[in-house]
Amino acid sequence: AGLSMGGVQTLGVLKAHPGEFAYVAAFSCWFGSATGVDAAAFNNGTKMLRLYVGDRTDFVYPMFMASLATLDALGVRYEFDGVTPGPHGWDVWQKNLIDLAPRLFKR
C-alpha cells in the first residue's frame, strides 16, 4: 500500500510485477500509462486491489478518476467504493486505512 506518490510507486511495482502481490491498496494516487499492462496476470494473482481518493478538493482526484477508466478499459479488477470526503491528506487516509485494515485480515 502507499499514499500519494507512494501509491503511484505501489501501482508501478504492481505493473512491473503483475500478479505477484495478493493484496494491494493505493491512496490518493493515479495509475498512469496502460502500455504493457498484463491485465490477466493482475487478475489471476491479485486477490484485492483497493483504491481510495479524497473528494474534488484532493488535487489528484481528476487523475485518479481517469485511472479508473484506464483500469476498466484494461479489464483489471479493483475495488473502489467512492470518494472519501476531504482533501489530499492524513484526515482522508486515516479513514481509508480504517476501512482497509479489516479487509486485509478477514480474507
PDB file of N, CA and C in Angstrom:
ATOM      1  N   ALA A   1       0.846  -1.186   0.000  1.00  0.00           N
ATOM      2  CA  ALA A   1       0.000   0.000   0.000  1.00  0.00           C
ATOM      3  C   ALA A   1       0.882   1.238   0.000  1.00  0.00           C
ATOM      4  N   GLY A   2       0.335   2.323  -0.494  1.00  0.00           N
ATOM      5  CA  GLY A   2       1.069   3.575  -0.493  1.00  0.00           C
ATOM      6  C   GLY A   2       0.143   4.764  -0.549  1.00  0.00           C
ATOM      7  N   LEU A   3       0.632   5.885  -0.058  1.00  0.00           N
ATOM      8  CA  LEU A   3      -0.104   7.143  -0.026  1.00  0.00           C
ATOM      9  C   LEU A   3       0.485   8.111  -1.037  1.00  0.00           C
ATOM     10  N   SER A   4      -0.356   8.742  -1.827  1.00  0.00           N
ATOM     11  CA  SER A   4       0.061   9.790  -2.749  1.00  0.00           C
ATOM     12  C   SER A   4       1.134   9.257  -3.715  1.00  0.00           C
ATOM     13  N   MET A   5       2.321   9.850  -3.734  1.00  0.00           N
ATOM     14  CA  MET A   5       3.368   9.352  -4.630  1.00  0.00           C
ATOM     15  C   MET A   5       3.758   7.920  -4.270  1.00  0.00           C
ATOM     16  N   GLY A   6       3.647   7.557  -3.004  1.00  0.00           N
ATOM     17  CA  GLY A   6       3.878   6.167  -2.608  1.00  0.00           C
ATOM     18  C   GLY A   6       2.848   5.240  -3.220  1.00  0.00           C
ATOM     19  N   GLY A   7       1.634   5.731  -3.419  1.00  0.00           N
ATOM     20  CA  GLY A   7       0.605   4.956  -4.104  1.00  0.00           C
ATOM     21  C   GLY A   7       0.933   4.769  -5.573  1.00  0.00           C
ATOM     22  N   VAL A   8       1.483   5.821  -6.188  1.00  0.00           N
ATOM     23  CA  VAL A   8       1.923   5.714  -7.585  1.00  0.00           C
ATOM     24  C   VAL A   8       3.023   4.657  -7.679  1.00  0.00           C
ATOM     25  N   GLN A   9       3.944   4.678  -6.728  1.00  0.00           N
ATOM     26  CA  GLN A   9       5.016   3.689  -6.717  1.00  0.00           C
ATOM     27  C   GLN A   9       4.462   2.286  -6.477  1.00  0.00           C
ATOM     28  N   THR A  10       3.496   2.159  -5.593  1.00  0.00           N
ATOM     29  CA  THR A  10       2.855   0.865  -5.341  1.00  0.00           C
ATOM     30  C   THR A  10       2.259   0.315  -6.624  1.00  0.00           C
ATOM     31  N   LEU A  11       1.517   1.152  -7.342  1.00  0.00           N
ATOM     32  CA  LEU A  11       0.909   0.689  -8.591  1.00  0.00           C
ATOM     33  C   LEU A  11       1.966   0.428  -9.660  1.00  0.00           C
ATOM     34  N   GLY A  12       3.044   1.191  -9.643  1.00  0.00           N
ATOM     35  CA  GLY A  12       4.133   0.960 -10.587  1.00  0.00           C
ATOM     36  C   GLY A  12       4.805  -0.393 -10.365  1.00  0.00           C
ATOM     37  N   VAL A  13       5.002  -0.751  -9.099  1.00  0.00           N
ATOM     38  CA  VAL A  13       5.573  -2.068  -8.791  1.00  0.00           C
ATOM     39  C   VAL A  13       4.601  -3.158  -9.215  1.00  0.00           C
ATOM     40  N   LEU A  14       3.328  -2.950  -8.981  1.00  0.00           N
ATOM     41  CA  LEU A  14       2.325  -3.930  -9.396  1.00  0.00           C
ATOM     42  C   LEU A  14       2.316  -4.098 -10.917  1.00  0.00           C
ATOM     43  N   LYS A  15       2.457  -2.988 -11.643  1.00  0.00           N
ATOM     44  CA  LYS A  15       2.512  -3.078 -13.112  1.00  0.00           C
ATOM     45  C   LYS A  15       3.754  -3.830 -13.570  1.00  0.00           C
ATOM     46  N   ALA A  16       4.868  -3.608 -12.888  1.00  0.00           N
ATOM     47  CA  ALA A  16       6.128  -4.264 -13.260  1.00  0.00           C
ATOM     48  C   ALA A  16       6.142  -5.738 -12.878  1.00  0.00           C
ATOM     49  N   HIS A  17       5.354  -6.096 -11.861  1.00  0.00           N
ATOM     50  CA  HIS A  17       5.315  -7.474 -11.357  1.00  0.00           C
ATOM     51  C   HIS A  17       3.859  -7.909 -11.160  1.00  0.00           C
ATOM     52  N   PRO A  18       3.092  -7.930 -12.244  1.00  0.00           N
ATOM     53  CA  PRO A  18       1.651  -8.207 -12.101  1.00  0.00           C
ATOM     54  C   PRO A  18       1.390  -9.595 -11.533  1.00  0.00           C
ATOM     55  N   GLY A  19       0.450  -9.625 -10.600  1.00  0.00           N
ATOM     56  CA  GLY A  19       0.046 -10.891 -10.025  1.00  0.00           C
ATOM     57  C   GLY A  19       0.945 -11.417  -8.932  1.00  0.00           C
ATOM     58  N   GLU A  20       2.048 -10.739  -8.634  1.00  0.00           N
ATOM     59  CA  GLU A  20       2.972 -11.213  -7.606  1.00  0.00           C
ATOM     60  C   GLU A  20       2.596 -10.733  -6.207  1.00  0.00           C
ATOM     61  N   PHE A  21       1.646  -9.825  -6.116  1.00  0.00           N
ATOM     62  CA  PHE A  21       1.205  -9.303  -4.834  1.00  0.00           C
ATOM     63  C   PHE A  21      -0.283  -9.566  -4.697  1.00  0.00           C
ATOM     64  N   ALA A  22      -0.683 -10.258  -3.648  1.00  0.00           N
ATOM     65  CA  ALA A  22      -2.078 -10.655  -3.488  1.00  0.00           C
ATOM     66  C   ALA A  22      -2.960  -9.508  -3.008  1.00  0.00           C
ATOM     67  N   TYR A  23      -2.440  -8.636  -2.157  1.00  0.00           N
ATOM     68  CA  TYR A  23      -3.237  -7.558  -1.569  1.00  0.00           C
ATOM     69  C   TYR A  23      -2.538  -6.231  -1.802  1.00  0.00           C
ATOM     70  N   VAL A  24      -3.212  -5.347  -2.511  1.00  0.00           N
ATOM     71  CA  VAL A  24      -2.620  -4.062  -2.880  1.00  0.00           C
ATOM     72  C   VAL A  24      -3.646  -2.969  -2.602  1.00  0.00           C
ATOM     73  N   ALA A  25      -3.175  -1.869  -2.041  1.00  0.00           N
ATOM     74  CA  ALA A  25      -4.032  -0.710  -1.821  1.00  0.00           C
ATOM     75  C   ALA A  25      -3.261   0.549  -2.176  1.00  0.00           C
ATOM     76  N   ALA A  26      -3.971   1.521  -2.723  1.00  0.00           N
ATOM     77  CA  ALA A  26      -3.353   2.789  -3.085  1.00  0.00           C
ATOM     78  C   ALA A  26      -4.291   3.922  -2.706  1.00  0.00           C
ATOM     79  N   PHE A  27      -3.734   4.939  -2.086  1.00  0.00           N
ATOM     80  CA  PHE A  27      -4.484   6.063  -1.555  1.00  0.00           C
ATOM     81  C   PHE A  27      -4.114   7.341  -2.304  1.00  0.00           C
ATOM     82  N   SER A  28      -5.099   8.030  -2.851  1.00  0.00           N
ATOM     83  CA  SER A  28      -4.907   9.348  -3.465  1.00  0.00           C
ATOM     84  C   SER A  28      -3.746   9.355  -4.454  1.00  0.00           C
ATOM     85  N   CYS A  29      -3.857   8.535  -5.487  1.00  0.00           N
ATOM     86  CA  CYS A  29      -2.800   8.458  -6.492  1.00  0.00           C
ATOM     87  C   CYS A  29      -3.418   8.227  -7.863  1.00  0.00           C
ATOM     88  N   TRP A  30      -2.603   7.838  -8.822  1.00  0.00           N
ATOM     89  CA  TRP A  30      -3.078   7.570 -10.169  1.00  0.00           C
ATOM     90  C   TRP A  30      -2.318   6.390 -10.742  1.00  0.00           C
ATOM     91  N   PHE A  31      -2.902   5.769 -11.757  1.00  0.00           N
ATOM     92  CA  PHE A  31      -2.359   4.547 -12.347  1.00  0.00           C
ATOM     93  C   PHE A  31      -1.300   4.816 -13.399  1.00  0.00           C
ATOM     94  N   GLY A  32      -1.463   5.855 -14.159  1.00  0.00           N
ATOM     95  CA  GLY A  32      -0.509   6.163 -15.220  1.00  0.00           C
ATOM     96  C   GLY A  32      -0.823   5.400 -16.499  1.00  0.00           C
ATOM     97  N   SER A  33       0.182   5.175 -17.283  1.00  0.00           N
ATOM     98  CA  SER A  33       0.035   4.576 -18.607  1.00  0.00           C
ATOM     99  C   SER A  33      -0.422   3.121 -18.542  1.00  0.00           C
ATOM    100  N   ALA A  34      -1.238   2.759 -19.520  1.00  0.00           N
ATOM    101  CA  ALA A  34      -1.699   1.374 -19.642  1.00  0.00           C
ATOM    102  C   ALA A  34      -0.779   0.548 -20.537  1.00  0.00           C
ATOM    103  N   THR A  35       0.233   1.168 -21.092  1.00  0.00           N
ATOM    104  CA  THR A  35       1.135   0.494 -22.017  1.00  0.00           C
ATOM    105  C   THR A  35       1.824  -0.692 -21.348  1.00  0.00           C
ATOM    106  N   GLY A  36       1.707  -1.847 -21.955  1.00  0.00           N
ATOM    107  CA  GLY A  36       2.384  -3.040 -21.488  1.00  0.00           C
ATOM    108  C   GLY A  36       1.787  -3.692 -20.254  1.00  0.00           C
ATOM    109  N   VAL A  37       0.615  -3.246 -19.823  1.00  0.00           N
ATOM    110  CA  VAL A  37       0.000  -3.813 -18.618  1.00  0.00           C
ATOM    111  C   VAL A  37      -0.596  -5.181 -18.942  1.00  0.00           C
ATOM    112  N   ASP A  38      -0.262  -6.171 -18.132  1.00  0.00           N
ATOM    113  CA  ASP A  38      -0.783  -7.528 -18.285  1.00  0.00           C
ATOM    114  C   ASP A  38      -1.984  -7.709 -17.355  1.00  0.00           C
ATOM    115  N   ALA A  39      -3.159  -7.349 -17.845  1.00  0.00           N
ATOM    116  CA  ALA A  39      -4.373  -7.384 -17.029  1.00  0.00           C
ATOM    117  C   ALA A  39      -4.691  -8.799 -16.558  1.00  0.00           C
ATOM    118  N   ALA A  40      -4.443  -9.792 -17.389  1.00  0.00           N
ATOM    119  CA  ALA A  40      -4.726 -11.178 -16.992  1.00  0.00           C
ATOM    120  C   ALA A  40      -3.884 -11.581 -15.788  1.00  0.00           C
ATOM    121  N   ALA A  41      -2.616 -11.201 -15.780  1.00  0.00           N
ATOM    122  CA  ALA A  41      -1.748 -11.518 -14.642  1.00  0.00           C
ATOM    123  C   ALA A  41      -2.203 -10.772 -13.391  1.00  0.00           C
ATOM    124  N   PHE A  42      -2.622  -9.508 -13.566  1.00  0.00           N
ATOM    125  CA  PHE A  42      -3.178  -8.753 -12.437  1.00  0.00           C
ATOM    126  C   PHE A  42      -4.316  -9.549 -11.820  1.00  0.00           C
ATOM    127  N   ASN A  43      -5.271  -9.902 -12.655  1.00  0.00           N
ATOM    128  CA  ASN A  43      -6.494 -10.534 -12.175  1.00  0.00           C
ATOM    129  C   ASN A  43      -6.260 -11.939 -11.632  1.00  0.00           C
ATOM    130  N   ASN A  44      -5.290 -12.645 -12.163  1.00  0.00           N
ATOM    131  CA  ASN A  44      -5.020 -14.006 -11.708  1.00  0.00           C
ATOM    132  C   ASN A  44      -4.294 -14.047 -10.376  1.00  0.00           C
ATOM    133  N   GLY A  45      -3.415 -13.088 -10.110  1.00  0.00           N
ATOM    134  CA  GLY A  45      -2.600 -13.161  -8.909  1.00  0.00           C
ATOM    135  C   GLY A  45      -2.980 -12.209  -7.796  1.00  0.00           C
ATOM    136  N   THR A  46      -3.698 -11.164  -8.125  1.00  0.00           N
ATOM    137  CA  THR A  46      -4.039 -10.159  -7.117  1.00  0.00           C
ATOM    138  C   THR A  46      -5.449 -10.410  -6.621  1.00  0.00           C
ATOM    139  N   LYS A  47      -5.569 -10.750  -5.349  1.00  0.00           N
ATOM    140  CA  LYS A  47      -6.875 -11.031  -4.757  1.00  0.00           C
ATOM    141  C   LYS A  47      -7.645  -9.749  -4.460  1.00  0.00           C
ATOM    142  N   MET A  48      -6.921  -8.689  -4.103  1.00  0.00           N
ATOM    143  CA  MET A  48      -7.569  -7.427  -3.788  1.00  0.00           C
ATOM    144  C   MET A  48      -6.708  -6.267  -4.245  1.00  0.00           C
ATOM    145  N   LEU A  49      -7.263  -5.439  -5.102  1.00  0.00           N
ATOM    146  CA  LEU A  49      -6.672  -4.158  -5.470  1.00  0.00           C
ATOM    147  C   LEU A  49      -7.697  -3.114  -5.051  1.00  0.00           C
ATOM    148  N   ARG A  50      -7.431  -2.444  -3.942  1.00  0.00           N
ATOM    149  CA  ARG A  50      -8.389  -1.495  -3.369  1.00  0.00           C
ATOM    150  C   ARG A  50      -7.840  -0.088  -3.529  1.00  0.00           C
ATOM    151  N   LEU A  51      -8.684   0.804  -4.043  1.00  0.00           N
ATOM    152  CA  LEU A  51      -8.272   2.168  -4.345  1.00  0.00           C
ATOM    153  C   LEU A  51      -9.103   3.167  -3.559  1.00  0.00           C
ATOM    154  N   TYR A  52      -8.450   4.251  -3.149  1.00  0.00           N
ATOM    155  CA  TYR A  52      -9.089   5.297  -2.350  1.00  0.00           C
ATOM    156  C   TYR A  52      -8.673   6.669  -2.875  1.00  0.00           C
ATOM    157  N   VAL A  53      -9.579   7.638  -2.711  1.00  0.00           N
ATOM    158  CA  VAL A  53      -9.253   9.030  -3.053  1.00  0.00           C
ATOM    159  C   VAL A  53     -10.159   9.957  -2.256  1.00  0.00           C
ATOM    160  N   GLY A  54      -9.661  11.151  -2.013  1.00  0.00           N
ATOM    161  CA  GLY A  54     -10.473  12.184  -1.382  1.00  0.00           C
ATOM    162  C   GLY A  54     -11.446  12.772  -2.402  1.00  0.00           C
ATOM    163  N   ASP A  55     -12.174  13.770  -1.980  1.00  0.00           N
ATOM    164  CA  ASP A  55     -13.157  14.383  -2.866  1.00  0.00           C
ATOM    165  C   ASP A  55     -12.479  15.336  -3.856  1.00  0.00           C
ATOM    166  N   ARG A  56     -13.255  16.150  -4.504  1.00  0.00           N
ATOM    167  CA  ARG A  56     -12.708  17.051  -5.536  1.00  0.00           C
ATOM    168  C   ARG A  56     -11.652  18.020  -5.003  1.00  0.00           C
ATOM    169  N   THR A  57     -11.564  18.161  -3.676  1.00  0.00           N
ATOM    170  CA  THR A  57     -10.517  19.014  -3.110  1.00  0.00           C
ATOM    171  C   THR A  57      -9.170  18.292  -3.034  1.00  0.00           C
ATOM    172  N   ASP A  58      -9.149  16.996  -3.290  1.00  0.00           N
ATOM    173  CA  ASP A  58      -7.903  16.227  -3.392  1.00  0.00           C
ATOM    174  C   ASP A  58      -7.342  16.508  -4.785  1.00  0.00           C
ATOM    175  N   PHE A  59      -6.178  17.111  -4.862  1.00  0.00           N
ATOM    176  CA  PHE A  59      -5.663  17.554  -6.161  1.00  0.00           C
ATOM    177  C   PHE A  59      -5.434  16.413  -7.155  1.00  0.00           C
ATOM    178  N   VAL A  60      -5.337  15.179  -6.700  1.00  0.00           N
ATOM    179  CA  VAL A  60      -5.147  14.065  -7.636  1.00  0.00           C
ATOM    180  C   VAL A  60      -6.483  13.483  -8.123  1.00  0.00           C
ATOM    181  N   TYR A  61      -7.589  14.000  -7.621  1.00  0.00           N
ATOM    182  CA  TYR A  61      -8.906  13.472  -7.971  1.00  0.00           C
ATOM    183  C   TYR A  61      -9.099  13.292  -9.488  1.00  0.00           C
ATOM    184  N   PRO A  62      -8.808  14.293 -10.328  1.00  0.00           N
ATOM    185  CA  PRO A  62      -9.010  14.090 -11.775  1.00  0.00           C
ATOM    186  C   PRO A  62      -8.148  12.954 -12.344  1.00  0.00           C
ATOM    187  N   MET A  63      -6.904  12.867 -11.914  1.00  0.00           N
ATOM    188  CA  MET A  63      -6.017  11.804 -12.406  1.00  0.00           C
ATOM    189  C   MET A  63      -6.477  10.445 -11.890  1.00  0.00           C
ATOM    190  N   PHE A  64      -6.939  10.412 -10.649  1.00  0.00           N
ATOM    191  CA  PHE A  64      -7.445   9.171 -10.066  1.00  0.00           C
ATOM    192  C   PHE A  64      -8.651   8.680 -10.861  1.00  0.00           C
ATOM    193  N   MET A  65      -9.599   9.552 -11.135  1.00  0.00           N
ATOM    194  CA  MET A  65     -10.802   9.145 -11.857  1.00  0.00           C
ATOM    195  C   MET A  65     -10.455   8.677 -13.279  1.00  0.00           C
ATOM    196  N   ALA A  66      -9.480   9.320 -13.911  1.00  0.00           N
ATOM    197  CA  ALA A  66      -9.013   8.859 -15.221  1.00  0.00           C
ATOM    198  C   ALA A  66      -8.397   7.472 -15.103  1.00  0.00           C
ATOM    199  N   SER A  67      -7.754   7.193 -13.966  1.00  0.00           N
ATOM    200  CA  SER A  67      -7.165   5.875 -13.740  1.00  0.00           C
ATOM    201  C   SER A  67      -8.228   4.788 -13.678  1.00  0.00           C
ATOM    202  N   LEU A  68      -9.363   5.101 -13.072  1.00  0.00           N
ATOM    203  CA  LEU A  68     -10.451   4.111 -13.029  1.00  0.00           C
ATOM    204  C   LEU A  68     -10.904   3.757 -14.439  1.00  0.00           C
ATOM    205  N   ALA A  69     -10.993   4.757 -15.308  1.00  0.00           N
ATOM    206  CA  ALA A  69     -11.372   4.497 -16.701  1.00  0.00           C
ATOM    207  C   ALA A  69     -10.324   3.628 -17.394  1.00  0.00           C
ATOM    208  N   THR A  70      -9.053   3.875 -17.100  1.00  0.00           N
ATOM    209  CA  THR A  70      -7.970   3.068 -17.674  1.00  0.00           C
ATOM    210  C   THR A  70      -8.073   1.621 -17.198  1.00  0.00           C
ATOM    211  N   LEU A  71      -8.267   1.435 -15.890  1.00  0.00           N
ATOM    212  CA  LEU A  71      -8.396   0.085 -15.341  1.00  0.00           C
ATOM    213  C   LEU A  71      -9.606  -0.633 -15.928  1.00  0.00           C
ATOM    214  N   ASP A  72     -10.707   0.088 -16.070  1.00  0.00           N
ATOM    215  CA  ASP A  72     -11.906  -0.508 -16.671  1.00  0.00           C
ATOM    216  C   ASP A  72     -11.631  -0.943 -18.111  1.00  0.00           C
ATOM    217  N   ALA A  73     -10.963  -0.084 -18.875  1.00  0.00           N
ATOM    218  CA  ALA A  73     -10.658  -0.408 -20.276  1.00  0.00           C
ATOM    219  C   ALA A  73      -9.739  -1.624 -20.377  1.00  0.00           C
ATOM    220  N   LEU A  74      -8.828  -1.765 -19.427  1.00  0.00           N
ATOM    221  CA  LEU A  74      -7.921  -2.912 -19.414  1.00  0.00           C
ATOM    222  C   LEU A  74      -8.594  -4.192 -18.927  1.00  0.00           C
ATOM    223  N   GLY A  75      -9.683  -4.038 -18.192  1.00  0.00           N
ATOM    224  CA  GLY A  75     -10.349  -5.195 -17.603  1.00  0.00           C
ATOM    225  C   GLY A  75      -9.737  -5.629 -16.289  1.00  0.00           C
ATOM    226  N   VAL A  76      -9.006  -4.731 -15.630  1.00  0.00           N
ATOM    227  CA  VAL A  76      -8.396  -5.038 -14.340  1.00  0.00           C
ATOM    228  C   VAL A  76      -9.460  -4.941 -13.250  1.00  0.00           C
ATOM    229  N   ARG A  77      -9.539  -5.968 -12.413  1.00  0.00           N
ATOM    230  CA  ARG A  77     -10.486  -5.952 -11.295  1.00  0.00           C
ATOM    231  C   ARG A  77      -9.909  -5.126 -10.145  1.00  0.00           C
ATOM    232  N   TYR A  78     -10.751  -4.276  -9.594  1.00  0.00           N
ATOM    233  CA  TYR A  78     -10.348  -3.451  -8.461  1.00  0.00           C
ATOM    234  C   TYR A  78     -11.579  -3.149  -7.625  1.00  0.00           C
ATOM    235  N   GLU A  79     -11.339  -2.648  -6.413  1.00  0.00           N
ATOM    236  CA  GLU A  79     -12.407  -2.236  -5.525  1.00  0.00           C
ATOM    237  C   GLU A  79     -12.297  -0.732  -5.299  1.00  0.00           C
ATOM    238  N   PHE A  80     -13.413  -0.037  -5.442  1.00  0.00           N
ATOM    239  CA  PHE A  80     -13.492   1.395  -5.161  1.00  0.00           C
ATOM    240  C   PHE A  80     -14.918   1.693  -4.757  1.00  0.00           C
ATOM    241  N   ASP A  81     -15.095   2.159  -3.538  1.00  0.00           N
ATOM    242  CA  ASP A  81     -16.439   2.407  -3.010  1.00  0.00           C
ATOM    243  C   ASP A  81     -16.829   3.874  -3.020  1.00  0.00           C
ATOM    244  N   GLY A  82     -16.129   4.687  -3.772  1.00  0.00           N
ATOM    245  CA  GLY A  82     -16.450   6.110  -3.849  1.00  0.00           C
ATOM    246  C   GLY A  82     -15.456   6.960  -3.082  1.00  0.00           C
ATOM    247  N   VAL A  83     -15.595   8.250  -3.272  1.00  0.00           N
ATOM    248  CA  VAL A  83     -14.644   9.185  -2.679  1.00  0.00           C
ATOM    249  C   VAL A  83     -14.851   9.293  -1.172  1.00  0.00           C
ATOM    250  N   THR A  84     -13.783   9.647  -0.491  1.00  0.00           N
ATOM    251  CA  THR A  84     -13.814   9.914   0.942  1.00  0.00           C
ATOM    252  C   THR A  84     -13.837  11.435   1.103  1.00  0.00           C
ATOM    253  N   PRO A  85     -14.802  11.975   1.806  1.00  0.00           N
ATOM    254  CA  PRO A  85     -14.855  13.438   1.958  1.00  0.00           C
ATOM    255  C   PRO A  85     -13.566  13.997   2.551  1.00  0.00           C
ATOM    256  N   GLY A  86     -13.009  14.966   1.865  1.00  0.00           N
ATOM    257  CA  GLY A  86     -11.809  15.637   2.353  1.00  0.00           C
ATOM    258  C   GLY A  86     -10.731  15.739   1.298  1.00  0.00           C
ATOM    259  N   PRO A  87      -9.687  16.516   1.597  1.00  0.00           N
ATOM    260  CA  PRO A  87      -8.610  16.769   0.643  1.00  0.00           C
ATOM    261  C   PRO A  87      -7.519  15.703   0.678  1.00  0.00           C
ATOM    262  N   HIS A  88      -6.425  16.005   0.045  1.00  0.00           N
ATOM    263  CA  HIS A  88      -5.254  15.140  -0.075  1.00  0.00           C
ATOM    264  C   HIS A  88      -4.463  15.198   1.227  1.00  0.00           C
ATOM    265  N   GLY A  89      -4.731  14.261   2.136  1.00  0.00           N
ATOM    266  CA  GLY A  89      -4.004  14.324   3.394  1.00  0.00           C
ATOM    267  C   GLY A  89      -4.449  13.286   4.392  1.00  0.00           C
ATOM    268  N   TRP A  90      -3.831  13.353   5.567  1.00  0.00           N
ATOM    269  CA  TRP A  90      -3.985  12.329   6.578  1.00  0.00           C
ATOM    270  C   TRP A  90      -5.414  12.148   7.043  1.00  0.00           C
ATOM    271  N   ASP A  91      -6.210  13.215   7.116  1.00  0.00           N
ATOM    272  CA  ASP A  91      -7.596  13.070   7.568  1.00  0.00           C
ATOM    273  C   ASP A  91      -8.355  12.083   6.686  1.00  0.00           C
ATOM    274  N   VAL A  92      -8.127  12.127   5.396  1.00  0.00           N
ATOM    275  CA  VAL A  92      -8.762  11.202   4.452  1.00  0.00           C
ATOM    276  C   VAL A  92      -8.118   9.827   4.553  1.00  0.00           C
ATOM    277  N   TRP A  93      -6.802   9.778   4.548  1.00  0.00           N
ATOM    278  CA  TRP A  93      -6.092   8.486   4.533  1.00  0.00           C
ATOM    279  C   TRP A  93      -6.335   7.687   5.806  1.00  0.00           C
ATOM    280  N   GLN A  94      -6.520   8.383   6.924  1.00  0.00           N
ATOM    281  CA  GLN A  94      -6.822   7.692   8.171  1.00  0.00           C
ATOM    282  C   GLN A  94      -8.151   6.945   8.039  1.00  0.00           C
ATOM    283  N   LYS A  95      -9.152   7.584   7.472  1.00  0.00           N
ATOM    284  CA  LYS A  95     -10.444   6.930   7.248  1.00  0.00           C
ATOM    285  C   LYS A  95     -10.280   5.747   6.290  1.00  0.00           C
ATOM    286  N   ASN A  96      -9.458   5.936   5.264  1.00  0.00           N
ATOM    287  CA  ASN A  96      -9.221   4.864   4.295  1.00  0.00           C
ATOM    288  C   ASN A  96      -8.535   3.673   4.944  1.00  0.00           C
ATOM    289  N   LEU A  97      -7.562   3.934   5.799  1.00  0.00           N
ATOM    290  CA  LEU A  97      -6.850   2.859   6.493  1.00  0.00           C
ATOM    291  C   LEU A  97      -7.792   2.105   7.429  1.00  0.00           C
ATOM    292  N   ILE A  98      -8.672   2.835   8.091  1.00  0.00           N
ATOM    293  CA  ILE A  98      -9.660   2.196   8.958  1.00  0.00           C
ATOM    294  C   ILE A  98     -10.562   1.271   8.144  1.00  0.00           C
ATOM    295  N   ASP A  99     -10.858   1.659   6.913  1.00  0.00           N
ATOM    296  CA  ASP A  99     -11.648   0.803   6.023  1.00  0.00           C
ATOM    297  C   ASP A  99     -10.832  -0.390   5.518  1.00  0.00           C
ATOM    298  N   LEU A 100      -9.567  -0.163   5.196  1.00  0.00           N
ATOM    299  CA  LEU A 100      -8.726  -1.199   4.586  1.00  0.00           C
ATOM    300  C   LEU A 100      -8.314  -2.304   5.558  1.00  0.00           C
ATOM    301  N   ALA A 101      -7.876  -1.940   6.744  1.00  0.00           N
ATOM    302  CA  ALA A 101      -7.275  -2.914   7.669  1.00  0.00           C
ATOM    303  C   ALA A 101      -8.147  -4.145   7.904  1.00  0.00           C
ATOM    304  N   PRO A 102      -9.425  -3.999   8.226  1.00  0.00           N
ATOM    305  CA  PRO A 102     -10.213  -5.217   8.456  1.00  0.00           C
ATOM    306  C   PRO A 102     -10.373  -6.075   7.200  1.00  0.00           C
ATOM    307  N   ARG A 103     -10.321  -5.456   6.038  1.00  0.00           N
ATOM    308  CA  ARG A 103     -10.427  -6.214   4.786  1.00  0.00           C
ATOM    309  C   ARG A 103      -9.217  -7.124   4.594  1.00  0.00           C
ATOM    310  N   LEU A 104      -8.066  -6.681   5.060  1.00  0.00           N
ATOM    311  CA  LEU A 104      -6.858  -7.477   4.929  1.00  0.00           C
ATOM    312  C   LEU A 104      -6.869  -8.699   5.845  1.00  0.00           C
ATOM    313  N   PHE A 105      -7.452  -8.547   6.991  1.00  0.00           N
ATOM    314  CA  PHE A 105      -7.386  -9.600   7.988  1.00  0.00           C
ATOM    315  C   PHE A 105      -8.613 -10.508   7.994  1.00  0.00           C
ATOM    316  N   LYS A 106      -9.618 -10.214   7.169  1.00  0.00           N
ATOM    317  CA  LYS A 106     -10.796 -11.071   7.054  1.00  0.00           C
ATOM    318  C   LYS A 106     -10.602 -12.132   5.975  1.00  0.00           C
ATOM    319  N   ARG A 107      -9.696 -11.915   5.067  1.00  0.00           N
ATOM    320  CA  ARG A 107      -9.563 -12.755   3.882  1.00  0.00           C
ATOM    321  C   ARG A 107      -8.864 -14.045   4.171  1.00  0.00           C
TER     322      ARG A 107
END
